[in-house]
């Protein structure tokens, strides 16, 4: 229920304690909402991509984007640039999961200024036909509405117990 309005004499302003407070950092701002939307749009496109309709990385990432993988991953380290990140999803992901089987169950998504943190459970069918379920947490940094940096965290042992790395 809104607070009752106080009468104001003509020509006088409301006391400052009656006026709305300025937007503070804890409140949602348009960039927060836009950045969350960009990250969600990337995952929607990722889940529905196919060989006939590959993902256009430039629609989601800056040209100099970086993707940091867990140290225990065979591809550990940092992927730099659109081609390297596209390679992660065009080749590596297809080596682990059957196309079209990726399902994301979003648990928590937090946006603050140019960062978005997303926690989700990924369910999929592995390339060797086994059901897979694992929890992921990713931290995104965006620049001008595009993803500039990603730090990915997940339990690699769970993945490799079901689907060994391609080089193993």
C-alpha atoms as a PDB file:
ATOM      1  CA  UNK A   1       0.000   0.000   0.000  1.00  0.00           C
ATOM      2  CA  UNK A   2       1.507   3.370  -0.961  1.00  0.00           C
ATOM      3  CA  UNK A   3       2.254   5.905   1.732  1.00  0.00           C
ATOM      4  CA  UNK A   4      -0.385   8.612   2.122  1.00  0.00           C
ATOM      5  CA  UNK A   5       0.416  11.839   0.311  1.00  0.00           C
ATOM      6  CA  UNK A   6       1.081  14.846   2.491  1.00  0.00           C
ATOM      7  CA  UNK A   7      -0.641  18.096   1.567  1.00  0.00           C
ATOM      8  CA  UNK A   8       1.649  20.637  -0.048  1.00  0.00           C
ATOM      9  CA  UNK A   9       0.995  24.343  -0.105  1.00  0.00           C
ATOM     10  CA  UNK A  10       1.074  25.917  -3.574  1.00  0.00           C
ATOM     11  CA  UNK A  11       4.572  27.113  -4.462  1.00  0.00           C
ATOM     12  CA  UNK A  12       6.259  24.905  -1.846  1.00  0.00           C
ATOM     13  CA  UNK A  13       8.194  21.719  -2.490  1.00  0.00           C
ATOM     14  CA  UNK A  14       7.735  18.559  -0.526  1.00  0.00           C
ATOM     15  CA  UNK A  15      10.160  18.106   2.333  1.00  0.00           C
ATOM     16  CA  UNK A  16      13.169  16.044   1.258  1.00  0.00           C
ATOM     17  CA  UNK A  17      12.159  13.203   3.541  1.00  0.00           C
ATOM     18  CA  UNK A  18       8.963  12.717   1.486  1.00  0.00           C
ATOM     19  CA  UNK A  19      10.683  12.594  -1.905  1.00  0.00           C
ATOM     20  CA  UNK A  20      11.767   9.298  -3.397  1.00  0.00           C
ATOM     21  CA  UNK A  21      15.355   8.328  -2.639  1.00  0.00           C
ATOM     22  CA  UNK A  22      17.768   8.187  -5.577  1.00  0.00           C
ATOM     23  CA  UNK A  23      18.424   4.828  -7.211  1.00  0.00           C
ATOM     24  CA  UNK A  24      21.138   3.074  -5.247  1.00  0.00           C
ATOM     25  CA  UNK A  25      23.547   0.342  -6.318  1.00  0.00           C
ATOM     26  CA  UNK A  26      21.481  -2.431  -4.767  1.00  0.00           C
ATOM     27  CA  UNK A  27      18.459  -1.683  -6.946  1.00  0.00           C
ATOM     28  CA  UNK A  28      18.131  -3.148 -10.425  1.00  0.00           C
ATOM     29  CA  UNK A  29      19.299  -0.905 -13.225  1.00  0.00           C
ATOM     30  CA  UNK A  30      18.708  -1.327 -16.946  1.00  0.00           C
ATOM     31  CA  UNK A  31      22.307  -2.508 -17.599  1.00  0.00           C
ATOM     32  CA  UNK A  32      21.834  -5.251 -14.967  1.00  0.00           C
ATOM     33  CA  UNK A  33      18.672  -6.441 -16.689  1.00  0.00           C
ATOM     34  CA  UNK A  34      20.185  -6.136 -20.182  1.00  0.00           C
ATOM     35  CA  UNK A  35      23.307  -8.060 -19.127  1.00  0.00           C
ATOM     36  CA  UNK A  36      21.262 -10.884 -17.603  1.00  0.00           C
ATOM     37  CA  UNK A  37      19.194 -10.997 -20.772  1.00  0.00           C
ATOM     38  CA  UNK A  38      22.338 -11.251 -22.928  1.00  0.00           C
ATOM     39  CA  UNK A  39      23.645 -14.197 -20.878  1.00  0.00           C
ATOM     40  CA  UNK A  40      20.254 -15.969 -20.980  1.00  0.00           C
ATOM     41  CA  UNK A  41      20.033 -15.363 -24.740  1.00  0.00           C
ATOM     42  CA  UNK A  42      23.455 -16.987 -25.184  1.00  0.00           C
ATOM     43  CA  UNK A  43      22.350 -20.134 -23.327  1.00  0.00           C
ATOM     44  CA  UNK A  44      19.067 -20.290 -25.237  1.00  0.00           C
ATOM     45  CA  UNK A  45      21.000 -20.104 -28.519  1.00  0.00           C
ATOM     46  CA  UNK A  46      23.537 -22.650 -27.251  1.00  0.00           C
ATOM     47  CA  UNK A  47      20.817 -25.158 -26.355  1.00  0.00           C
ATOM     48  CA  UNK A  48      19.170 -24.869 -29.778  1.00  0.00           C
ATOM     49  CA  UNK A  49      22.215 -24.612 -32.073  1.00  0.00           C
ATOM     50  CA  UNK A  50      22.756 -27.218 -34.768  1.00  0.00           C
ATOM     51  CA  UNK A  51      25.202 -27.909 -37.583  1.00  0.00           C
ATOM     52  CA  UNK A  52      22.814 -26.209 -40.003  1.00  0.00           C
ATOM     53  CA  UNK A  53      22.392 -23.209 -37.665  1.00  0.00           C
ATOM     54  CA  UNK A  54      25.683 -22.665 -35.785  1.00  0.00           C
ATOM     55  CA  UNK A  55      25.920 -20.136 -33.002  1.00  0.00           C
ATOM     56  CA  UNK A  56      27.007 -16.629 -34.099  1.00  0.00           C
ATOM     57  CA  UNK A  57      29.484 -15.868 -31.302  1.00  0.00           C
ATOM     58  CA  UNK A  58      29.858 -12.210 -32.327  1.00  0.00           C
ATOM     59  CA  UNK A  59      26.208 -11.711 -31.317  1.00  0.00           C
ATOM     60  CA  UNK A  60      27.132 -12.505 -27.699  1.00  0.00           C
ATOM     61  CA  UNK A  61      30.895 -11.966 -27.182  1.00  0.00           C
ATOM     62  CA  UNK A  62      33.428  -9.191 -27.714  1.00  0.00           C
ATOM     63  CA  UNK A  63      36.170  -9.891 -30.266  1.00  0.00           C
ATOM     64  CA  UNK A  64      38.765 -10.189 -27.450  1.00  0.00           C
ATOM     65  CA  UNK A  65      36.592 -12.269 -25.093  1.00  0.00           C
ATOM     66  CA  UNK A  66      38.230 -14.746 -22.706  1.00  0.00           C
ATOM     67  CA  UNK A  67      36.798 -17.994 -21.296  1.00  0.00           C
ATOM     68  CA  UNK A  68      38.628 -19.410 -18.255  1.00  0.00           C
ATOM     69  CA  UNK A  69      38.181 -23.184 -17.822  1.00  0.00           C
ATOM     70  CA  UNK A  70      38.687 -25.229 -14.619  1.00  0.00           C
ATOM     71  CA  UNK A  71      42.260 -26.366 -13.992  1.00  0.00           C
ATOM     72  CA  UNK A  72      41.211 -30.027 -13.928  1.00  0.00           C
ATOM     73  CA  UNK A  73      39.705 -29.800 -17.415  1.00  0.00           C
ATOM     74  CA  UNK A  74      41.779 -31.258 -20.290  1.00  0.00           C
ATOM     75  CA  UNK A  75      41.361 -27.889 -22.015  1.00  0.00           C
ATOM     76  CA  UNK A  76      42.319 -25.977 -18.840  1.00  0.00           C
ATOM     77  CA  UNK A  77      43.514 -22.457 -19.152  1.00  0.00           C
ATOM     78  CA  UNK A  78      42.108 -19.485 -20.988  1.00  0.00           C
ATOM     79  CA  UNK A  79      40.492 -19.487 -24.405  1.00  0.00           C
ATOM     80  CA  UNK A  80      41.018 -16.103 -26.073  1.00  0.00           C
ATOM     81  CA  UNK A  81      38.988 -14.651 -28.911  1.00  0.00           C
ATOM     82  CA  UNK A  82      35.817 -15.551 -30.756  1.00  0.00           C
ATOM     83  CA  UNK A  83      37.333 -18.438 -32.720  1.00  0.00           C
ATOM     84  CA  UNK A  84      38.693 -20.170 -29.612  1.00  0.00           C
ATOM     85  CA  UNK A  85      35.405 -19.803 -27.739  1.00  0.00           C
ATOM     86  CA  UNK A  86      33.434 -20.923 -30.805  1.00  0.00           C
ATOM     87  CA  UNK A  87      35.716 -23.975 -30.960  1.00  0.00           C
ATOM     88  CA  UNK A  88      34.787 -24.850 -27.389  1.00  0.00           C
ATOM     89  CA  UNK A  89      31.116 -25.054 -28.304  1.00  0.00           C
ATOM     90  CA  UNK A  90      31.402 -26.311 -31.880  1.00  0.00           C
ATOM     91  CA  UNK A  91      33.825 -29.130 -31.177  1.00  0.00           C
ATOM     92  CA  UNK A  92      34.512 -29.820 -27.525  1.00  0.00           C
ATOM     93  CA  UNK A  93      30.919 -29.650 -26.322  1.00  0.00           C
ATOM     94  CA  UNK A  94      29.807 -31.956 -29.149  1.00  0.00           C
ATOM     95  CA  UNK A  95      32.519 -34.442 -28.120  1.00  0.00           C
ATOM     96  CA  UNK A  96      30.924 -34.687 -24.667  1.00  0.00           C
ATOM     97  CA  UNK A  97      27.169 -34.270 -25.258  1.00  0.00           C
ATOM     98  CA  UNK A  98      24.661 -35.420 -27.838  1.00  0.00           C
ATOM     99  CA  UNK A  99      23.411 -32.436 -29.873  1.00  0.00           C
ATOM    100  CA  UNK A 100      20.054 -31.095 -28.724  1.00  0.00           C
ATOM    101  CA  UNK A 101      20.200 -32.845 -25.334  1.00  0.00           C
ATOM    102  CA  UNK A 102      21.373 -29.864 -23.237  1.00  0.00           C
ATOM    103  CA  UNK A 103      18.851 -28.715 -20.615  1.00  0.00           C
ATOM    104  CA  UNK A 104      19.609 -25.899 -18.165  1.00  0.00           C
ATOM    105  CA  UNK A 105      17.896 -25.620 -14.775  1.00  0.00           C
ATOM    106  CA  UNK A 106      18.788 -22.122 -13.554  1.00  0.00           C
ATOM    107  CA  UNK A 107      19.161 -21.894  -9.764  1.00  0.00           C
ATOM    108  CA  UNK A 108      20.527 -18.408  -9.149  1.00  0.00           C
ATOM    109  CA  UNK A 109      21.256 -15.490 -11.441  1.00  0.00           C
ATOM    110  CA  UNK A 110      22.665 -12.292  -9.967  1.00  0.00           C
ATOM    111  CA  UNK A 111      23.560  -9.144 -11.891  1.00  0.00           C
ATOM    112  CA  UNK A 112      25.500  -6.167 -10.564  1.00  0.00           C
ATOM    113  CA  UNK A 113      26.730  -3.480 -12.950  1.00  0.00           C
ATOM    114  CA  UNK A 114      28.847  -5.254 -15.586  1.00  0.00           C
ATOM    115  CA  UNK A 115      28.896  -8.700 -13.902  1.00  0.00           C
ATOM    116  CA  UNK A 116      26.416 -11.579 -14.042  1.00  0.00           C
ATOM    117  CA  UNK A 117      26.769 -14.722 -11.915  1.00  0.00           C
ATOM    118  CA  UNK A 118      24.781 -17.749 -12.997  1.00  0.00           C
ATOM    119  CA  UNK A 119      24.393 -21.036 -11.147  1.00  0.00           C
ATOM    120  CA  UNK A 120      22.604 -23.841 -12.948  1.00  0.00           C
ATOM    121  CA  UNK A 121      22.287 -27.596 -13.237  1.00  0.00           C
ATOM    122  CA  UNK A 122      23.068 -28.989 -16.663  1.00  0.00           C
ATOM    123  CA  UNK A 123      21.261 -32.154 -17.717  1.00  0.00           C
ATOM    124  CA  UNK A 124      22.269 -33.820 -20.961  1.00  0.00           C
ATOM    125  CA  UNK A 125      22.956 -37.119 -22.667  1.00  0.00           C
ATOM    126  CA  UNK A 126      26.673 -37.733 -23.102  1.00  0.00           C
ATOM    127  CA  UNK A 127      28.238 -38.667 -26.416  1.00  0.00           C
ATOM    128  CA  UNK A 128      28.437 -42.273 -25.169  1.00  0.00           C
ATOM    129  CA  UNK A 129      24.681 -42.300 -24.389  1.00  0.00           C
ATOM    130  CA  UNK A 130      24.735 -41.874 -20.594  1.00  0.00           C
ATOM    131  CA  UNK A 131      22.581 -39.441 -18.627  1.00  0.00           C
ATOM    132  CA  UNK A 132      24.572 -36.549 -17.203  1.00  0.00           C
ATOM    133  CA  UNK A 133      23.712 -34.058 -14.462  1.00  0.00           C
ATOM    134  CA  UNK A 134      26.163 -31.580 -12.944  1.00  0.00           C
ATOM    135  CA  UNK A 135      26.120 -28.200 -11.216  1.00  0.00           C
ATOM    136  CA  UNK A 136      27.865 -25.215 -12.794  1.00  0.00           C
ATOM    137  CA  UNK A 137      28.666 -21.698 -11.655  1.00  0.00           C
ATOM    138  CA  UNK A 138      29.840 -19.090 -14.152  1.00  0.00           C
ATOM    139  CA  UNK A 139      30.856 -15.498 -13.632  1.00  0.00           C
ATOM    140  CA  UNK A 140      30.445 -13.210 -16.647  1.00  0.00           C
ATOM    141  CA  UNK A 141      31.881  -9.750 -17.194  1.00  0.00           C
ATOM    142  CA  UNK A 142      30.211  -7.727 -19.929  1.00  0.00           C
ATOM    143  CA  UNK A 143      31.349  -4.696 -21.902  1.00  0.00           C
ATOM    144  CA  UNK A 144      28.840  -2.630 -23.866  1.00  0.00           C
ATOM    145  CA  UNK A 145      26.258  -5.411 -23.711  1.00  0.00           C
ATOM    146  CA  UNK A 146      28.580  -8.206 -24.892  1.00  0.00           C
ATOM    147  CA  UNK A 147      30.311 -10.928 -22.868  1.00  0.00           C
ATOM    148  CA  UNK A 148      33.992 -10.021 -22.430  1.00  0.00           C
ATOM    149  CA  UNK A 149      35.092 -12.627 -19.875  1.00  0.00           C
ATOM    150  CA  UNK A 150      33.772 -15.881 -18.399  1.00  0.00           C
ATOM    151  CA  UNK A 151      35.078 -17.838 -15.422  1.00  0.00           C
ATOM    152  CA  UNK A 152      33.599 -21.345 -15.358  1.00  0.00           C
ATOM    153  CA  UNK A 153      33.430 -23.632 -12.321  1.00  0.00           C
ATOM    154  CA  UNK A 154      32.051 -27.191 -12.314  1.00  0.00           C
ATOM    155  CA  UNK A 155      32.834 -30.662 -10.976  1.00  0.00           C
ATOM    156  CA  UNK A 156      34.995 -32.124 -13.739  1.00  0.00           C
ATOM    157  CA  UNK A 157      35.279 -35.473 -11.897  1.00  0.00           C
ATOM    158  CA  UNK A 158      31.515 -35.968 -12.271  1.00  0.00           C
ATOM    159  CA  UNK A 159      31.726 -35.358 -16.012  1.00  0.00           C
ATOM    160  CA  UNK A 160      34.800 -37.554 -16.557  1.00  0.00           C
ATOM    161  CA  UNK A 161      33.328 -40.438 -14.509  1.00  0.00           C
ATOM    162  CA  UNK A 162      30.474 -40.622 -17.028  1.00  0.00           C
ATOM    163  CA  UNK A 163      32.259 -39.440 -20.184  1.00  0.00           C
ATOM    164  CA  UNK A 164      36.073 -39.719 -20.159  1.00  0.00           C
ATOM    165  CA  UNK A 165      37.961 -36.886 -21.864  1.00  0.00           C
ATOM    166  CA  UNK A 166      38.378 -37.438 -25.627  1.00  0.00           C
ATOM    167  CA  UNK A 167      42.168 -37.827 -25.260  1.00  0.00           C
ATOM    168  CA  UNK A 168      41.873 -40.458 -22.496  1.00  0.00           C
END
